[in-house]
Amino acid sequence: MTIQLPVLLWTVICFVLLMLILSRLLFRPLLDFMDKREEKIRSAALKLEEIEAARQEAEEKLARFREEEAARTERLAKEAIAEAERDAAAILASAAEEQRKALEACRASMEAEGKEVAKAAEAGADKVARAYLSALLDSCPAGKNG
């Protein structure tokens, strides 16, 4: 096997031409495509990070909002309970006052009825005493004569 210089030279020239053609028509466009794809991937990763940061911020805002709403709801509930307790106390005080007035009216009524009963009993007692005295005098032998 001998080395033939013209074949070697043509082989090198063909190889160099093939490399130039492939470089211009295949390698550069392929590398450009890969660079653009890598840039898109990098851009998408940045957008994903931004979206994730925005999501975390939204979750934090939501958590703060929920805490504030829970605190506000608790405060409103406490205020409603306090107002209901004040209303209940006012109603109880009003009922106690009405009860006191009713008792006073009942006492006054009972005292008036008691006085009437006492007067009636006194008048009745006088009649009973007179009737008893009359019956006694009638039953006595000296009373019939005298």
C-alpha atoms as a PDB file:
ATOM      1  CA  MET A   1       0.000   0.000   0.000  1.00  0.00           C
ATOM      2  CA  THR A   2       1.441   3.238  -1.128  1.00  0.00           C
ATOM      3  CA  ILE A   3       0.338   6.706  -0.385  1.00  0.00           C
ATOM      4  CA  GLN A   4      -0.831   8.521  -3.412  1.00  0.00           C
ATOM      5  CA  LEU A   5      -0.398  12.171  -3.037  1.00  0.00           C
ATOM      6  CA  PRO A   6      -3.095  13.371  -5.471  1.00  0.00           C
ATOM      7  CA  VAL A   7      -5.691  11.133  -3.825  1.00  0.00           C
ATOM      8  CA  LEU A   8      -4.624  12.348  -0.438  1.00  0.00           C
ATOM      9  CA  LEU A   9      -4.756  15.948  -1.581  1.00  0.00           C
ATOM     10  CA  TRP A  10      -8.229  15.514  -3.138  1.00  0.00           C
ATOM     11  CA  THR A  11      -9.421  13.729  -0.032  1.00  0.00           C
ATOM     12  CA  VAL A  12      -8.255  16.609   2.173  1.00  0.00           C
ATOM     13  CA  ILE A  13      -9.745  19.207  -0.210  1.00  0.00           C
ATOM     14  CA  CYS A  14     -13.086  17.322  -0.313  1.00  0.00           C
ATOM     15  CA  PHE A  15     -13.086  16.953   3.457  1.00  0.00           C
ATOM     16  CA  VAL A  16     -12.375  20.678   3.969  1.00  0.00           C
ATOM     17  CA  LEU A  17     -15.082  21.618   1.446  1.00  0.00           C
ATOM     18  CA  LEU A  18     -17.515  19.235   3.133  1.00  0.00           C
ATOM     19  CA  MET A  19     -16.685  20.784   6.519  1.00  0.00           C
ATOM     20  CA  LEU A  20     -17.192  24.323   5.154  1.00  0.00           C
ATOM     21  CA  ILE A  21     -20.520  23.386   3.571  1.00  0.00           C
ATOM     22  CA  LEU A  22     -21.667  21.529   6.673  1.00  0.00           C
ATOM     23  CA  SER A  23     -20.510  24.375   8.884  1.00  0.00           C
ATOM     24  CA  ARG A  24     -22.422  26.933   6.874  1.00  0.00           C
ATOM     25  CA  LEU A  25     -25.547  24.876   6.147  1.00  0.00           C
ATOM     26  CA  LEU A  26     -25.798  22.558   9.166  1.00  0.00           C
ATOM     27  CA  PHE A  27     -23.640  23.395  12.159  1.00  0.00           C
ATOM     28  CA  ARG A  28     -24.334  27.163  12.385  1.00  0.00           C
ATOM     29  CA  PRO A  29     -28.125  26.812  11.987  1.00  0.00           C
ATOM     30  CA  LEU A  30     -28.117  23.905  14.399  1.00  0.00           C
ATOM     31  CA  LEU A  31     -26.080  25.841  16.958  1.00  0.00           C
ATOM     32  CA  ASP A  32     -28.310  28.923  16.487  1.00  0.00           C
ATOM     33  CA  PHE A  33     -31.392  26.750  16.980  1.00  0.00           C
ATOM     34  CA  MET A  34     -29.895  25.202  20.110  1.00  0.00           C
ATOM     35  CA  ASP A  35     -28.929  28.663  21.465  1.00  0.00           C
ATOM     36  CA  LYS A  36     -32.467  29.966  20.834  1.00  0.00           C
ATOM     37  CA  ARG A  37     -33.923  26.879  22.487  1.00  0.00           C
ATOM     38  CA  GLU A  38     -31.645  27.304  25.482  1.00  0.00           C
ATOM     39  CA  GLU A  39     -32.672  30.975  25.713  1.00  0.00           C
ATOM     40  CA  LYS A  40     -36.350  29.961  25.602  1.00  0.00           C
ATOM     41  CA  ILE A  41     -35.757  27.414  28.343  1.00  0.00           C
ATOM     42  CA  ARG A  42     -33.927  30.029  30.433  1.00  0.00           C
ATOM     43  CA  SER A  43     -36.737  32.519  29.804  1.00  0.00           C
ATOM     44  CA  ALA A  44     -39.365  29.946  30.755  1.00  0.00           C
ATOM     45  CA  ALA A  45     -37.431  29.109  33.933  1.00  0.00           C
ATOM     46  CA  LEU A  46     -37.326  32.819  34.860  1.00  0.00           C
ATOM     47  CA  LYS A  47     -41.053  33.160  34.183  1.00  0.00           C
ATOM     48  CA  LEU A  48     -41.673  30.062  36.293  1.00  0.00           C
ATOM     49  CA  GLU A  49     -39.656  31.578  39.144  1.00  0.00           C
ATOM     50  CA  GLU A  50     -41.611  34.839  38.810  1.00  0.00           C
ATOM     51  CA  ILE A  51     -44.892  32.956  38.792  1.00  0.00           C
ATOM     52  CA  GLU A  52     -43.813  30.913  41.817  1.00  0.00           C
ATOM     53  CA  ALA A  53     -42.802  34.098  43.657  1.00  0.00           C
ATOM     54  CA  ALA A  54     -46.146  35.696  42.766  1.00  0.00           C
ATOM     55  CA  ARG A  55     -47.981  32.559  43.931  1.00  0.00           C
ATOM     56  CA  GLN A  56     -46.132  32.572  47.247  1.00  0.00           C
ATOM     57  CA  GLU A  57     -46.866  36.270  47.677  1.00  0.00           C
ATOM     58  CA  ALA A  58     -50.546  35.639  46.910  1.00  0.00           C
ATOM     59  CA  GLU A  59     -50.616  32.765  49.413  1.00  0.00           C
ATOM     60  CA  GLU A  60     -49.035  35.017  52.058  1.00  0.00           C
ATOM     61  CA  LYS A  61     -51.586  37.746  51.318  1.00  0.00           C
ATOM     62  CA  LEU A  62     -54.374  35.175  51.522  1.00  0.00           C
ATOM     63  CA  ALA A  63     -53.062  33.884  54.849  1.00  0.00           C
ATOM     64  CA  ARG A  64     -52.840  37.456  56.207  1.00  0.00           C
ATOM     65  CA  PHE A  65     -56.349  38.173  54.905  1.00  0.00           C
ATOM     66  CA  ARG A  66     -57.704  35.024  56.542  1.00  0.00           C
ATOM     67  CA  GLU A  67     -56.031  35.948  59.834  1.00  0.00           C
ATOM     68  CA  GLU A  68     -57.428  39.476  59.638  1.00  0.00           C
ATOM     69  CA  GLU A  69     -60.888  38.141  58.782  1.00  0.00           C
ATOM     70  CA  ALA A  70     -60.736  35.658  61.652  1.00  0.00           C
ATOM     71  CA  ALA A  71     -59.691  38.442  64.033  1.00  0.00           C
ATOM     72  CA  ARG A  72     -62.400  40.747  62.687  1.00  0.00           C
ATOM     73  CA  THR A  73     -65.021  37.996  62.949  1.00  0.00           C
ATOM     74  CA  GLU A  74     -63.934  37.230  66.498  1.00  0.00           C
ATOM     75  CA  ARG A  75     -64.055  40.939  67.388  1.00  0.00           C
ATOM     76  CA  LEU A  76     -67.528  41.282  65.857  1.00  0.00           C
ATOM     77  CA  ALA A  77     -68.700  38.173  67.711  1.00  0.00           C
ATOM     78  CA  LYS A  78     -67.375  39.554  70.992  1.00  0.00           C
ATOM     79  CA  GLU A  79     -69.090  42.871  70.313  1.00  0.00           C
ATOM     80  CA  ALA A  80     -72.352  41.071  69.506  1.00  0.00           C
ATOM     81  CA  ILE A  81     -72.060  39.004  72.684  1.00  0.00           C
ATOM     82  CA  ALA A  82     -71.346  42.121  74.748  1.00  0.00           C
ATOM     83  CA  GLU A  83     -74.321  43.904  73.185  1.00  0.00           C
ATOM     84  CA  ALA A  84     -76.556  40.885  73.825  1.00  0.00           C
ATOM     85  CA  GLU A  85     -75.354  40.779  77.435  1.00  0.00           C
ATOM     86  CA  ARG A  86     -76.112  44.506  77.817  1.00  0.00           C
ATOM     87  CA  ASP A  87     -79.569  43.969  76.301  1.00  0.00           C
ATOM     88  CA  ALA A  88     -80.174  40.982  78.576  1.00  0.00           C
ATOM     89  CA  ALA A  89     -79.067  42.995  81.617  1.00  0.00           C
ATOM     90  CA  ALA A  90     -81.418  45.819  80.617  1.00  0.00           C
ATOM     91  CA  ILE A  91     -84.280  43.369  80.131  1.00  0.00           C
ATOM     92  CA  LEU A  92     -83.544  41.745  83.501  1.00  0.00           C
ATOM     93  CA  ALA A  93     -83.412  45.138  85.190  1.00  0.00           C
ATOM     94  CA  SER A  94     -86.686  46.128  83.541  1.00  0.00           C
ATOM     95  CA  ALA A  95     -88.288  42.840  84.584  1.00  0.00           C
ATOM     96  CA  ALA A  96     -87.008  43.257  88.142  1.00  0.00           C
ATOM     97  CA  GLU A  97     -88.455  46.775  88.256  1.00  0.00           C
ATOM     98  CA  GLU A  98     -91.789  45.551  86.898  1.00  0.00           C
ATOM     99  CA  GLN A  99     -91.767  42.717  89.435  1.00  0.00           C
ATOM    100  CA  ARG A 100     -91.036  45.178  92.253  1.00  0.00           C
ATOM    101  CA  LYS A 101     -93.878  47.444  91.100  1.00  0.00           C
ATOM    102  CA  ALA A 102     -96.245  44.468  90.822  1.00  0.00           C
ATOM    103  CA  LEU A 103     -95.286  43.339  94.341  1.00  0.00           C
ATOM    104  CA  GLU A 104     -95.870  46.835  95.693  1.00  0.00           C
ATOM    105  CA  ALA A 105     -99.255  46.985  93.968  1.00  0.00           C
ATOM    106  CA  CYS A 106    -100.114  43.529  95.306  1.00  0.00           C
ATOM    107  CA  ARG A 107     -99.078  44.539  98.848  1.00  0.00           C
ATOM    108  CA  ALA A 108    -101.115  47.724  98.636  1.00  0.00           C
ATOM    109  CA  SER A 109    -104.100  45.760  97.344  1.00  0.00           C
ATOM    110  CA  MET A 110    -103.710  43.155 100.091  1.00  0.00           C
ATOM    111  CA  GLU A 111    -103.430  45.846 102.759  1.00  0.00           C
ATOM    112  CA  ALA A 112    -106.594  47.535 101.459  1.00  0.00           C
ATOM    113  CA  GLU A 113    -108.412  44.195 101.371  1.00  0.00           C
ATOM    114  CA  GLY A 114    -107.071  43.406 104.829  1.00  0.00           C
ATOM    115  CA  LYS A 115    -108.466  46.668 106.169  1.00  0.00           C
ATOM    116  CA  GLU A 116    -111.817  45.932 104.537  1.00  0.00           C
ATOM    117  CA  VAL A 117    -111.805  42.412 105.968  1.00  0.00           C
ATOM    118  CA  ALA A 118    -110.866  43.794 109.377  1.00  0.00           C
ATOM    119  CA  LYS A 119    -113.715  46.300 109.218  1.00  0.00           C
ATOM    120  CA  ALA A 120    -116.109  43.569 108.079  1.00  0.00           C
ATOM    121  CA  ALA A 121    -114.822  41.253 110.794  1.00  0.00           C
ATOM    122  CA  GLU A 122    -115.175  44.001 113.386  1.00  0.00           C
ATOM    123  CA  ALA A 123    -118.742  44.724 112.277  1.00  0.00           C
ATOM    124  CA  GLY A 124    -119.486  41.016 112.154  1.00  0.00           C
ATOM    125  CA  ALA A 125    -117.847  40.475 115.531  1.00  0.00           C
ATOM    126  CA  ASP A 126    -120.044  43.157 117.069  1.00  0.00           C
ATOM    127  CA  LYS A 127    -123.133  41.447 115.634  1.00  0.00           C
ATOM    128  CA  VAL A 128    -121.941  38.030 116.817  1.00  0.00           C
ATOM    129  CA  ALA A 129    -121.097  39.403 120.254  1.00  0.00           C
ATOM    130  CA  ARG A 130    -124.510  41.075 120.550  1.00  0.00           C
ATOM    131  CA  ALA A 131    -126.253  37.929 119.339  1.00  0.00           C
ATOM    132  CA  TYR A 132    -124.230  35.823 121.766  1.00  0.00           C
ATOM    133  CA  LEU A 133    -124.888  38.266 124.607  1.00  0.00           C
ATOM    134  CA  SER A 134    -128.560  38.319 123.735  1.00  0.00           C
ATOM    135  CA  ALA A 135    -128.635  34.517 123.618  1.00  0.00           C
ATOM    136  CA  LEU A 136    -126.828  34.403 126.923  1.00  0.00           C
ATOM    137  CA  LEU A 137    -129.182  36.856 128.545  1.00  0.00           C
ATOM    138  CA  ASP A 138    -132.138  34.983 127.189  1.00  0.00           C
ATOM    139  CA  SER A 139    -130.836  31.735 128.557  1.00  0.00           C
ATOM    140  CA  CYS A 140    -130.312  33.178 132.025  1.00  0.00           C
ATOM    141  CA  PRO A 141    -133.280  32.928 134.385  1.00  0.00           C
ATOM    142  CA  ALA A 142    -132.640  36.372 135.763  1.00  0.00           C
ATOM    143  CA  GLY A 143    -132.574  37.869 132.330  1.00  0.00           C
ATOM    144  CA  LYS A 144    -136.065  36.686 131.509  1.00  0.00           C
ATOM    145  CA  ASN A 145    -137.517  38.329 134.570  1.00  0.00           C
ATOM    146  CA  GLY A 146    -135.796  41.508 134.446  1.00  0.00           C
END
